[in-house]
Structure formats: structure tokens, C-alpha cells
């Protein structure tokens, strides 16, 4: 049995898949055989679950050693995203999504929860973005990490070592993963 210092814990409370996909994701197994196959190999370690729990929802996997990304290994990160986004999501047991309607629902929730915390300028900028919802079409839905802050991208010896915190994974627009990078390590 591994010691707790050599294990990582990841909650999946924010997971946005269907109930069937979530149950498939949370089944304890050494590898995620229920995940779709990638056309390209992952260039980094991916978590192999030691334990998965339904209530409360969480998984435990061996620690992936590394430090948060600053600006190292853009090629390794690009290869990771190409591999992740090439997974065949058509094999997952989920219903097709009306993306525009889904985005509208998210904007309504954002307006209710976040707008009260914003100043007028930020609120105005957000409204301008929300007015563009009808243009958010024409992408090929893919598996997206959805939370690629630098603290979730680990490097070791200037190379991509692993990607952690898969609690927000979903099917969606792959541009979301690239947008995270524009506000973090690769802003230029």
C-alpha cells in the first residue's frame, strides 16, 4: 500500500458528463478502459487510479512528480492537447449537446453568480462576450480538460511530466483548453 505522501487526490464534483459517463469514469480500475482511444499517444504520464469513490466523488492516484508549468515545453504541451483532443468521443455513452443552448445556460448562471461581484467595466465586457454566443458553433466536439491552469500542468527537467486535476473534464470545444494557456504560461 502506498503512503499518502505518494498519492494524489482529485475530486470530481465538478465533472460535467452524463450520469452514465460519470459512473464509467468512477469505476475503480488500474486503467480507464472506458475512455475512448486516442489516435495519438499521450506524451506525458496520466493518472492511473488507485481508488475511486462515488460518495463523495473523488479518485486517488499515484503522485506525478513535477512543478507547475511556467513556460517550459510548449511542444510537449501541444502534443498532449493534440492527443487529448483526438480521442474518439463518439464512443462515449452521452447524448449530443445543443452547444449554443448550453452556453446560454452557462451565461445565465454566470450573470446570477458572478455579475454582482464585478465592477461595471468587467460586467460590460462580459455582456459583450455573451452577445457572441450564437457564433460559438462549427467546432468538432472533443474531450477537453477544461482547467489547464499552470498548477495543473507539471514539468520535470523542462519537459512535460503530467497533467493533473481532471475534475472538470467534459466534451466540448477544444479551444477552451487553448484559452487557458493564453491567460497563463503562454500569454504572448
N, C-alpha and C. Protein backbone atom coordinates (compact mmCIF):
# COMPACT_ATOMS: atom_id res chain seq x y z
N UNK A 1 0.85 -1.19 0.00
CA UNK A 1 0.00 0.00 0.00
C UNK A 1 0.89 1.24 0.00
N UNK A 2 0.59 2.18 -0.87
CA UNK A 2 1.39 3.40 -0.98
C UNK A 2 1.06 4.34 0.17
N UNK A 3 2.04 5.10 0.60
CA UNK A 3 1.79 6.07 1.65
C UNK A 3 1.04 7.26 1.06
N UNK A 4 0.35 8.01 1.91
CA UNK A 4 -0.46 9.13 1.44
C UNK A 4 0.41 10.19 0.77
N UNK A 5 1.68 10.32 1.16
CA UNK A 5 2.54 11.33 0.56
C UNK A 5 2.88 10.99 -0.89
N UNK A 6 2.65 9.77 -1.29
CA UNK A 6 2.94 9.38 -2.67
C UNK A 6 1.67 9.21 -3.49
N UNK A 7 0.55 9.70 -2.97
CA UNK A 7 -0.72 9.62 -3.69
C UNK A 7 -1.27 11.03 -3.87
N UNK A 8 -2.03 11.21 -4.91
CA UNK A 8 -2.72 12.48 -5.13
C UNK A 8 -4.21 12.24 -5.08
N UNK A 9 -4.93 13.24 -4.66
CA UNK A 9 -6.38 13.15 -4.56
C UNK A 9 -6.98 14.14 -5.55
N UNK A 10 -7.95 13.70 -6.31
CA UNK A 10 -8.62 14.58 -7.25
C UNK A 10 -10.11 14.45 -7.06
N UNK A 11 -10.79 15.55 -6.77
CA UNK A 11 -12.25 15.48 -6.65
C UNK A 11 -12.86 15.57 -8.03
N UNK A 12 -14.01 14.96 -8.17
CA UNK A 12 -14.70 15.01 -9.45
C UNK A 12 -16.08 15.63 -9.30
N UNK A 13 -16.26 16.42 -8.26
CA UNK A 13 -17.57 17.03 -8.02
C UNK A 13 -17.98 17.95 -9.15
N UNK A 14 -17.04 18.57 -9.84
CA UNK A 14 -17.37 19.48 -10.92
C UNK A 14 -17.49 18.81 -12.27
N UNK A 15 -17.45 17.49 -12.30
CA UNK A 15 -17.48 16.76 -13.56
C UNK A 15 -18.79 16.99 -14.26
N UNK A 16 -18.75 17.27 -15.56
CA UNK A 16 -19.95 17.71 -16.27
C UNK A 16 -20.46 16.71 -17.29
N UNK A 17 -20.14 15.45 -17.19
CA UNK A 17 -20.64 14.47 -18.13
C UNK A 17 -21.99 13.93 -17.71
N UNK A 18 -22.54 13.04 -18.51
CA UNK A 18 -23.81 12.42 -18.15
C UNK A 18 -23.59 11.45 -17.00
N UNK A 19 -24.67 11.00 -16.38
CA UNK A 19 -24.55 10.06 -15.26
C UNK A 19 -23.85 8.78 -15.70
N UNK A 20 -24.19 8.26 -16.87
CA UNK A 20 -23.56 7.03 -17.36
C UNK A 20 -22.06 7.23 -17.57
N UNK A 21 -21.68 8.38 -18.16
CA UNK A 21 -20.26 8.64 -18.38
C UNK A 21 -19.54 8.82 -17.05
N UNK A 22 -20.18 9.50 -16.09
CA UNK A 22 -19.58 9.70 -14.77
C UNK A 22 -19.37 8.37 -14.07
N UNK A 23 -20.38 7.48 -14.13
CA UNK A 23 -20.23 6.17 -13.50
C UNK A 23 -19.11 5.37 -14.16
N UNK A 24 -19.00 5.47 -15.46
CA UNK A 24 -17.92 4.80 -16.17
C UNK A 24 -16.58 5.36 -15.71
N UNK A 25 -16.50 6.69 -15.59
CA UNK A 25 -15.26 7.35 -15.18
C UNK A 25 -14.85 6.94 -13.77
N UNK A 26 -15.82 6.76 -12.88
CA UNK A 26 -15.51 6.50 -11.48
C UNK A 26 -15.32 5.02 -11.15
N UNK A 27 -15.52 4.12 -12.10
CA UNK A 27 -15.29 2.71 -11.80
C UNK A 27 -13.84 2.48 -11.43
N UNK A 28 -13.57 1.85 -10.27
CA UNK A 28 -12.18 1.60 -9.92
C UNK A 28 -11.58 0.57 -10.87
N UNK A 29 -10.44 0.89 -11.44
CA UNK A 29 -9.72 0.00 -12.35
C UNK A 29 -8.32 0.55 -12.53
N UNK A 30 -7.36 -0.29 -12.86
CA UNK A 30 -6.00 0.21 -13.00
C UNK A 30 -5.82 1.17 -14.16
N UNK A 31 -6.59 1.02 -15.22
CA UNK A 31 -6.55 1.94 -16.35
C UNK A 31 -7.98 2.27 -16.73
N UNK A 32 -8.18 3.39 -17.37
CA UNK A 32 -9.52 3.80 -17.76
C UNK A 32 -9.88 3.18 -19.10
N UNK A 33 -10.29 1.93 -19.09
CA UNK A 33 -10.66 1.27 -20.33
C UNK A 33 -11.93 1.85 -20.92
N UNK A 34 -12.71 2.57 -20.09
CA UNK A 34 -13.94 3.15 -20.61
C UNK A 34 -13.67 4.45 -21.34
N UNK A 35 -12.44 4.98 -21.25
CA UNK A 35 -12.11 6.18 -22.01
C UNK A 35 -11.97 5.82 -23.48
N UNK A 36 -12.32 6.74 -24.35
CA UNK A 36 -12.14 6.47 -25.76
C UNK A 36 -10.66 6.37 -26.10
N UNK A 37 -10.36 5.71 -27.18
CA UNK A 37 -8.97 5.55 -27.63
C UNK A 37 -8.50 6.82 -28.31
N UNK A 38 -7.26 7.19 -28.04
CA UNK A 38 -6.65 8.34 -28.69
C UNK A 38 -5.97 7.87 -29.97
N UNK A 39 -6.00 8.71 -30.99
CA UNK A 39 -5.29 8.39 -32.23
C UNK A 39 -3.80 8.65 -32.07
N UNK A 40 -3.43 9.39 -31.04
CA UNK A 40 -2.03 9.76 -30.80
C UNK A 40 -1.68 9.42 -29.36
N UNK A 41 -0.46 8.94 -29.10
CA UNK A 41 -0.09 8.62 -27.71
C UNK A 41 0.09 9.89 -26.88
N UNK A 42 -0.23 9.78 -25.58
CA UNK A 42 -0.01 10.89 -24.68
C UNK A 42 1.49 11.04 -24.44
N UNK A 43 2.02 12.27 -24.52
CA UNK A 43 3.45 12.49 -24.32
C UNK A 43 3.84 12.66 -22.85
N UNK A 44 2.92 12.40 -21.93
CA UNK A 44 3.21 12.56 -20.51
C UNK A 44 2.49 11.48 -19.73
N UNK A 45 2.78 11.43 -18.44
CA UNK A 45 2.08 10.47 -17.58
C UNK A 45 0.64 10.92 -17.41
N UNK A 46 -0.24 9.95 -17.33
CA UNK A 46 -1.62 10.25 -16.99
C UNK A 46 -1.95 9.46 -15.74
N UNK A 47 -2.82 9.99 -14.90
CA UNK A 47 -3.13 9.30 -13.65
C UNK A 47 -3.72 7.92 -13.88
N UNK A 48 -3.27 6.96 -13.09
CA UNK A 48 -3.86 5.64 -13.04
C UNK A 48 -4.47 5.50 -11.66
N UNK A 49 -5.78 5.36 -11.61
CA UNK A 49 -6.50 5.44 -10.36
C UNK A 49 -6.21 4.24 -9.46
N UNK A 50 -5.91 4.54 -8.19
CA UNK A 50 -5.73 3.53 -7.16
C UNK A 50 -7.06 3.25 -6.47
N UNK A 51 -7.89 4.29 -6.40
CA UNK A 51 -9.19 4.16 -5.74
C UNK A 51 -10.14 5.21 -6.34
N UNK A 52 -11.40 4.86 -6.46
CA UNK A 52 -12.42 5.81 -6.91
C UNK A 52 -13.63 5.66 -6.00
N UNK A 53 -14.24 6.78 -5.64
CA UNK A 53 -15.39 6.79 -4.76
C UNK A 53 -16.54 7.52 -5.43
N UNK A 54 -17.76 7.01 -5.23
CA UNK A 54 -18.94 7.70 -5.74
C UNK A 54 -19.42 8.76 -4.77
N UNK A 55 -19.41 8.48 -3.49
CA UNK A 55 -19.91 9.41 -2.47
C UNK A 55 -18.92 9.50 -1.33
N UNK A 56 -18.25 10.60 -1.14
CA UNK A 56 -18.20 11.75 -2.04
C UNK A 56 -17.39 11.39 -3.28
N UNK A 57 -17.62 12.08 -4.40
CA UNK A 57 -16.89 11.73 -5.62
C UNK A 57 -15.43 12.17 -5.56
N UNK A 58 -14.52 11.21 -5.64
CA UNK A 58 -13.09 11.51 -5.71
C UNK A 58 -12.35 10.29 -6.23
N UNK A 59 -11.13 10.54 -6.68
CA UNK A 59 -10.24 9.45 -7.09
C UNK A 59 -8.89 9.68 -6.44
N UNK A 60 -8.14 8.60 -6.27
CA UNK A 60 -6.79 8.67 -5.73
C UNK A 60 -5.87 8.02 -6.76
N UNK A 61 -4.75 8.68 -7.04
CA UNK A 61 -3.77 8.13 -7.97
C UNK A 61 -2.37 8.46 -7.47
N UNK A 62 -1.40 7.67 -7.95
CA UNK A 62 -0.01 7.88 -7.52
C UNK A 62 0.46 9.28 -7.92
N UNK A 63 1.26 9.86 -7.05
CA UNK A 63 1.78 11.19 -7.26
C UNK A 63 2.58 11.25 -8.57
N UNK A 64 2.31 12.26 -9.37
CA UNK A 64 3.11 12.54 -10.56
C UNK A 64 4.05 13.67 -10.18
N UNK A 65 5.31 13.39 -10.15
CA UNK A 65 6.30 14.37 -9.70
C UNK A 65 6.52 15.45 -10.75
N UNK A 66 6.61 16.69 -10.29
CA UNK A 66 6.86 17.82 -11.16
C UNK A 66 6.52 19.11 -10.47
N UNK A 67 6.79 20.20 -11.15
CA UNK A 67 6.47 21.53 -10.64
C UNK A 67 5.53 22.21 -11.64
N UNK A 68 4.74 23.19 -11.18
CA UNK A 68 3.82 23.86 -12.09
C UNK A 68 4.55 24.50 -13.28
N UNK A 69 3.91 24.43 -14.41
CA UNK A 69 4.45 24.98 -15.65
C UNK A 69 4.64 26.48 -15.53
N UNK A 70 5.77 26.97 -16.01
CA UNK A 70 5.99 28.40 -16.15
C UNK A 70 5.88 28.75 -17.63
N UNK A 71 6.83 28.24 -18.43
CA UNK A 71 6.75 28.42 -19.88
C UNK A 71 7.55 27.33 -20.61
N UNK A 72 7.81 26.21 -19.90
CA UNK A 72 8.61 25.14 -20.47
C UNK A 72 7.79 24.26 -21.41
N UNK A 73 8.46 23.63 -22.34
CA UNK A 73 7.96 22.54 -23.17
C UNK A 73 6.63 22.82 -23.86
N UNK A 74 6.59 23.90 -24.63
CA UNK A 74 5.38 24.20 -25.40
C UNK A 74 5.07 23.08 -26.39
N UNK A 75 6.10 22.45 -26.95
CA UNK A 75 5.88 21.36 -27.91
C UNK A 75 5.26 20.14 -27.22
N UNK A 76 5.72 19.83 -26.01
CA UNK A 76 5.16 18.71 -25.26
C UNK A 76 3.70 18.96 -24.89
N UNK A 77 3.39 20.20 -24.51
CA UNK A 77 2.02 20.54 -24.16
C UNK A 77 1.13 20.50 -25.40
N UNK A 78 1.64 20.98 -26.52
CA UNK A 78 0.88 20.92 -27.77
C UNK A 78 0.60 19.47 -28.15
N UNK A 79 1.61 18.59 -28.01
CA UNK A 79 1.42 17.17 -28.33
C UNK A 79 0.38 16.54 -27.40
N UNK A 80 0.42 16.92 -26.12
CA UNK A 80 -0.58 16.41 -25.17
C UNK A 80 -1.98 16.81 -25.60
N UNK A 81 -2.18 18.11 -25.91
CA UNK A 81 -3.51 18.58 -26.29
C UNK A 81 -3.98 17.94 -27.60
N UNK A 82 -3.09 17.78 -28.56
CA UNK A 82 -3.47 17.12 -29.80
C UNK A 82 -3.92 15.68 -29.53
N UNK A 83 -3.23 15.01 -28.63
CA UNK A 83 -3.60 13.64 -28.28
C UNK A 83 -4.94 13.60 -27.55
N UNK A 84 -5.10 14.47 -26.56
CA UNK A 84 -6.35 14.51 -25.80
C UNK A 84 -7.54 14.80 -26.72
N UNK A 85 -7.38 15.79 -27.58
CA UNK A 85 -8.48 16.22 -28.44
C UNK A 85 -8.74 15.24 -29.59
N UNK A 86 -7.84 14.28 -29.81
CA UNK A 86 -8.06 13.29 -30.88
C UNK A 86 -8.83 12.07 -30.40
N UNK A 87 -9.14 12.01 -29.10
CA UNK A 87 -9.91 10.87 -28.59
C UNK A 87 -11.26 10.80 -29.30
N UNK A 88 -11.69 9.60 -29.62
CA UNK A 88 -12.96 9.40 -30.31
C UNK A 88 -14.10 9.46 -29.29
N UNK A 89 -14.70 10.63 -29.14
CA UNK A 89 -15.76 10.81 -28.15
C UNK A 89 -17.09 10.23 -28.60
N UNK A 90 -17.18 9.83 -29.85
CA UNK A 90 -18.45 9.26 -30.33
C UNK A 90 -18.75 7.91 -29.66
N UNK A 91 -17.75 7.30 -29.02
CA UNK A 91 -17.95 6.01 -28.36
C UNK A 91 -18.43 6.16 -26.92
N UNK A 92 -18.47 7.38 -26.40
CA UNK A 92 -18.90 7.59 -25.01
C UNK A 92 -20.42 7.55 -24.92
N UNK A 93 -20.94 7.04 -23.81
CA UNK A 93 -22.40 6.91 -23.65
C UNK A 93 -23.05 8.21 -23.19
N UNK A 94 -22.96 9.25 -24.02
CA UNK A 94 -23.56 10.54 -23.67
C UNK A 94 -24.42 11.04 -24.83
N UNK A 95 -25.37 11.88 -24.51
CA UNK A 95 -26.28 12.44 -25.50
C UNK A 95 -25.63 13.66 -26.17
N UNK A 96 -25.94 13.90 -27.45
CA UNK A 96 -25.43 15.10 -28.12
C UNK A 96 -25.91 16.36 -27.38
N UNK A 97 -25.14 17.42 -27.48
CA UNK A 97 -25.44 18.66 -26.76
C UNK A 97 -25.76 19.76 -27.76
N UNK A 98 -26.75 20.57 -27.44
CA UNK A 98 -27.02 21.80 -28.17
C UNK A 98 -26.07 22.84 -27.57
N UNK A 99 -24.94 23.07 -28.24
CA UNK A 99 -23.87 23.89 -27.67
C UNK A 99 -24.32 25.31 -27.40
N UNK A 100 -25.05 25.92 -28.31
CA UNK A 100 -25.47 27.30 -28.11
C UNK A 100 -26.38 27.40 -26.89
N UNK A 101 -27.31 26.47 -26.76
CA UNK A 101 -28.20 26.49 -25.59
C UNK A 101 -27.42 26.24 -24.30
N UNK A 102 -26.46 25.34 -24.36
CA UNK A 102 -25.62 25.07 -23.20
C UNK A 102 -24.84 26.32 -22.77
N UNK A 103 -24.29 27.03 -23.74
CA UNK A 103 -23.55 28.27 -23.43
C UNK A 103 -24.49 29.33 -22.87
N UNK A 104 -25.72 29.42 -23.42
CA UNK A 104 -26.69 30.39 -22.88
C UNK A 104 -26.97 30.10 -21.41
N UNK A 105 -27.17 28.84 -21.08
CA UNK A 105 -27.44 28.44 -19.69
C UNK A 105 -26.26 28.81 -18.80
N UNK A 106 -25.05 28.58 -19.28
CA UNK A 106 -23.85 28.93 -18.50
C UNK A 106 -23.77 30.44 -18.30
N UNK A 107 -24.11 31.21 -19.31
CA UNK A 107 -24.07 32.67 -19.19
C UNK A 107 -25.09 33.18 -18.17
N UNK A 108 -26.28 32.58 -18.18
CA UNK A 108 -27.31 32.97 -17.21
C UNK A 108 -26.80 32.70 -15.78
N UNK A 109 -26.21 31.53 -15.58
CA UNK A 109 -25.67 31.21 -14.25
C UNK A 109 -24.55 32.18 -13.88
N UNK A 110 -23.69 32.52 -14.83
CA UNK A 110 -22.60 33.45 -14.60
C UNK A 110 -23.15 34.82 -14.20
N UNK A 111 -24.17 35.27 -14.92
CA UNK A 111 -24.77 36.57 -14.60
C UNK A 111 -25.34 36.58 -13.19
N UNK A 112 -25.97 35.49 -12.78
CA UNK A 112 -26.57 35.42 -11.44
C UNK A 112 -25.52 35.34 -10.34
N UNK A 113 -24.47 34.55 -10.57
CA UNK A 113 -23.49 34.29 -9.52
C UNK A 113 -22.32 35.27 -9.50
N UNK A 114 -21.87 35.69 -10.68
CA UNK A 114 -20.62 36.44 -10.75
C UNK A 114 -20.85 37.94 -11.00
N UNK A 115 -21.83 38.30 -11.80
CA UNK A 115 -22.04 39.71 -12.11
C UNK A 115 -22.11 40.59 -10.86
N UNK A 116 -22.78 40.16 -9.80
CA UNK A 116 -22.82 41.03 -8.61
C UNK A 116 -21.44 41.34 -8.03
N UNK A 117 -20.45 40.53 -8.36
CA UNK A 117 -19.10 40.74 -7.83
C UNK A 117 -18.22 41.59 -8.73
N UNK A 118 -18.70 41.89 -9.95
CA UNK A 118 -17.89 42.61 -10.93
C UNK A 118 -18.18 44.09 -10.93
N UNK A 119 -17.16 44.88 -11.30
CA UNK A 119 -17.41 46.30 -11.49
C UNK A 119 -18.09 46.50 -12.85
N UNK A 120 -18.56 47.70 -13.12
CA UNK A 120 -19.34 47.98 -14.33
C UNK A 120 -18.55 47.66 -15.60
N UNK A 121 -17.27 47.97 -15.63
CA UNK A 121 -16.46 47.73 -16.83
C UNK A 121 -16.34 46.24 -17.15
N UNK A 122 -16.06 45.44 -16.14
CA UNK A 122 -15.96 43.99 -16.36
C UNK A 122 -17.32 43.39 -16.73
N UNK A 123 -18.35 43.86 -16.09
CA UNK A 123 -19.70 43.38 -16.39
C UNK A 123 -20.06 43.70 -17.84
N UNK A 124 -19.72 44.89 -18.29
CA UNK A 124 -19.99 45.30 -19.67
C UNK A 124 -19.19 44.43 -20.66
N UNK A 125 -17.94 44.15 -20.35
CA UNK A 125 -17.13 43.29 -21.20
C UNK A 125 -17.69 41.88 -21.28
N UNK A 126 -18.15 41.37 -20.16
CA UNK A 126 -18.75 40.03 -20.14
C UNK A 126 -20.02 40.00 -20.97
N UNK A 127 -20.84 41.03 -20.85
CA UNK A 127 -22.08 41.08 -21.65
C UNK A 127 -21.76 41.10 -23.15
N UNK A 128 -20.71 41.82 -23.53
CA UNK A 128 -20.31 41.87 -24.94
C UNK A 128 -19.90 40.48 -25.43
N UNK A 129 -19.20 39.74 -24.59
CA UNK A 129 -18.84 38.36 -24.96
C UNK A 129 -20.07 37.48 -25.04
N UNK A 130 -20.97 37.63 -24.10
CA UNK A 130 -22.19 36.82 -24.09
C UNK A 130 -23.04 37.08 -25.33
N UNK A 131 -22.96 38.29 -25.90
CA UNK A 131 -23.70 38.61 -27.12
C UNK A 131 -23.18 37.81 -28.33
N UNK A 132 -22.03 37.20 -28.19
CA UNK A 132 -21.43 36.43 -29.29
C UNK A 132 -21.78 34.94 -29.22
N UNK A 133 -22.65 34.53 -28.33
CA UNK A 133 -22.95 33.11 -28.12
C UNK A 133 -23.34 32.40 -29.41
N UNK A 134 -24.14 33.03 -30.24
CA UNK A 134 -24.61 32.37 -31.45
C UNK A 134 -23.47 32.03 -32.42
N UNK A 135 -22.30 32.61 -32.23
CA UNK A 135 -21.16 32.31 -33.12
C UNK A 135 -20.35 31.12 -32.63
N UNK A 136 -20.67 30.58 -31.46
CA UNK A 136 -19.88 29.50 -30.87
C UNK A 136 -20.31 28.14 -31.41
N UNK A 137 -20.17 27.99 -32.70
CA UNK A 137 -20.52 26.74 -33.38
C UNK A 137 -19.40 26.39 -34.36
N UNK A 138 -19.55 25.28 -35.03
CA UNK A 138 -18.60 24.93 -36.08
C UNK A 138 -17.34 24.23 -35.58
N UNK A 139 -17.33 23.77 -34.36
CA UNK A 139 -16.18 23.04 -33.85
C UNK A 139 -16.52 21.56 -33.77
N UNK A 140 -15.50 20.73 -33.78
CA UNK A 140 -15.67 19.29 -33.61
C UNK A 140 -15.57 18.99 -32.12
N UNK A 141 -16.66 18.55 -31.47
CA UNK A 141 -16.59 18.27 -30.03
C UNK A 141 -15.47 17.27 -29.71
N UNK A 142 -14.78 17.55 -28.62
CA UNK A 142 -13.64 16.73 -28.21
C UNK A 142 -13.62 16.62 -26.69
N UNK A 143 -12.83 15.69 -26.18
CA UNK A 143 -12.60 15.61 -24.75
C UNK A 143 -11.68 16.77 -24.38
N UNK A 144 -12.12 17.61 -23.45
CA UNK A 144 -11.32 18.75 -23.02
C UNK A 144 -11.08 18.68 -21.52
N UNK A 145 -9.90 19.09 -21.10
CA UNK A 145 -9.53 19.09 -19.69
C UNK A 145 -10.32 20.15 -18.95
N UNK A 146 -10.42 21.34 -19.51
CA UNK A 146 -11.24 22.45 -19.02
C UNK A 146 -10.68 23.19 -17.80
N UNK A 147 -9.48 22.85 -17.35
CA UNK A 147 -8.91 23.54 -16.18
C UNK A 147 -7.39 23.50 -16.26
N UNK A 148 -6.84 24.00 -17.38
CA UNK A 148 -5.40 23.89 -17.60
C UNK A 148 -4.62 25.10 -17.07
N UNK A 149 -4.89 25.46 -15.84
CA UNK A 149 -4.05 26.46 -15.20
C UNK A 149 -2.65 25.88 -15.02
N UNK A 150 -1.63 26.72 -14.93
CA UNK A 150 -0.25 26.24 -14.82
C UNK A 150 -0.03 25.26 -13.66
N UNK A 151 -0.83 25.39 -12.59
CA UNK A 151 -0.66 24.49 -11.45
C UNK A 151 -1.14 23.07 -11.74
N UNK A 152 -1.83 22.88 -12.85
CA UNK A 152 -2.30 21.54 -13.22
C UNK A 152 -1.47 20.90 -14.33
N UNK A 153 -0.46 21.64 -14.80
CA UNK A 153 0.45 21.14 -15.84
C UNK A 153 1.82 21.02 -15.18
N UNK A 154 2.28 19.80 -15.00
CA UNK A 154 3.53 19.57 -14.27
C UNK A 154 4.69 19.31 -15.22
N UNK A 155 5.83 19.93 -14.90
CA UNK A 155 7.06 19.73 -15.67
C UNK A 155 8.15 19.21 -14.75
N UNK A 156 9.06 18.48 -15.34
CA UNK A 156 10.26 17.99 -14.65
C UNK A 156 11.38 18.01 -15.67
N UNK A 157 12.52 18.59 -15.31
CA UNK A 157 13.66 18.71 -16.22
C UNK A 157 13.26 19.40 -17.52
N UNK A 158 12.45 20.46 -17.41
CA UNK A 158 12.00 21.27 -18.54
C UNK A 158 11.15 20.51 -19.55
N UNK A 159 10.57 19.39 -19.15
CA UNK A 159 9.72 18.58 -20.04
C UNK A 159 8.37 18.36 -19.35
N UNK A 160 7.33 18.25 -20.14
CA UNK A 160 6.01 17.94 -19.60
C UNK A 160 6.08 16.60 -18.88
N UNK A 161 5.68 16.59 -17.60
CA UNK A 161 5.72 15.36 -16.80
C UNK A 161 4.34 14.79 -16.56
N UNK A 162 3.32 15.65 -16.51
CA UNK A 162 1.98 15.16 -16.25
C UNK A 162 0.97 16.27 -16.22
N UNK A 163 -0.29 15.89 -16.35
CA UNK A 163 -1.41 16.82 -16.26
C UNK A 163 -2.34 16.27 -15.20
N UNK A 164 -2.69 17.11 -14.23
CA UNK A 164 -3.49 16.65 -13.09
C UNK A 164 -4.80 17.43 -13.01
N UNK A 165 -5.62 17.08 -12.04
CA UNK A 165 -6.90 17.70 -11.72
C UNK A 165 -7.85 17.62 -12.91
N UNK A 166 -8.38 16.43 -13.09
CA UNK A 166 -9.30 16.16 -14.19
C UNK A 166 -10.75 16.30 -13.76
N UNK A 167 -11.01 17.06 -12.71
CA UNK A 167 -12.36 17.19 -12.17
C UNK A 167 -13.33 17.94 -13.07
N UNK A 168 -12.85 18.72 -14.02
CA UNK A 168 -13.73 19.49 -14.89
C UNK A 168 -13.77 18.94 -16.32
N UNK A 169 -13.22 17.76 -16.54
CA UNK A 169 -13.18 17.19 -17.89
C UNK A 169 -14.59 17.08 -18.45
N UNK A 170 -14.71 17.34 -19.73
CA UNK A 170 -16.02 17.30 -20.40
C UNK A 170 -15.82 17.17 -21.90
N UNK A 171 -16.91 16.97 -22.59
CA UNK A 171 -16.91 17.03 -24.04
C UNK A 171 -17.25 18.47 -24.40
N UNK A 172 -16.48 19.07 -25.29
CA UNK A 172 -16.74 20.45 -25.65
C UNK A 172 -15.81 20.95 -26.72
N UNK A 173 -15.67 22.25 -26.78
CA UNK A 173 -14.84 22.91 -27.78
C UNK A 173 -13.38 22.87 -27.32
N UNK A 174 -12.48 22.26 -28.11
CA UNK A 174 -11.07 22.19 -27.71
C UNK A 174 -10.43 23.57 -27.53
N UNK A 175 -11.02 24.60 -28.09
CA UNK A 175 -10.48 25.95 -27.92
C UNK A 175 -10.43 26.34 -26.45
N UNK A 176 -11.31 25.75 -25.63
CA UNK A 176 -11.31 26.05 -24.20
C UNK A 176 -9.96 25.73 -23.57
N UNK A 177 -9.38 24.59 -23.91
CA UNK A 177 -8.07 24.23 -23.34
C UNK A 177 -6.99 25.21 -23.78
N UNK A 178 -7.03 25.64 -25.03
CA UNK A 178 -6.02 26.59 -25.51
C UNK A 178 -6.23 27.97 -24.89
N UNK A 179 -7.47 28.34 -24.60
CA UNK A 179 -7.74 29.63 -23.98
C UNK A 179 -7.09 29.73 -22.61
N UNK A 180 -7.08 28.62 -21.85
CA UNK A 180 -6.42 28.62 -20.55
C UNK A 180 -4.95 29.02 -20.69
N UNK A 181 -4.32 28.54 -21.73
CA UNK A 181 -2.88 28.81 -21.91
C UNK A 181 -2.61 30.27 -22.26
N UNK A 182 -3.56 30.93 -22.90
CA UNK A 182 -3.39 32.34 -23.24
C UNK A 182 -3.43 33.24 -22.02
N UNK A 183 -4.05 32.78 -20.95
CA UNK A 183 -4.14 33.58 -19.72
C UNK A 183 -3.15 33.11 -18.67
N UNK A 184 -2.23 32.25 -19.06
CA UNK A 184 -1.27 31.72 -18.11
C UNK A 184 0.12 31.70 -18.71
N UNK A 185 0.63 30.50 -18.95
CA UNK A 185 2.03 30.38 -19.29
C UNK A 185 2.42 30.90 -20.68
N UNK A 186 1.51 30.93 -21.63
CA UNK A 186 1.88 31.31 -22.99
C UNK A 186 1.05 32.49 -23.46
N UNK A 187 1.05 33.54 -22.67
CA UNK A 187 0.20 34.71 -22.97
C UNK A 187 0.66 35.49 -24.19
N UNK A 188 1.89 35.29 -24.60
CA UNK A 188 2.34 36.02 -25.80
C UNK A 188 2.30 35.08 -26.96
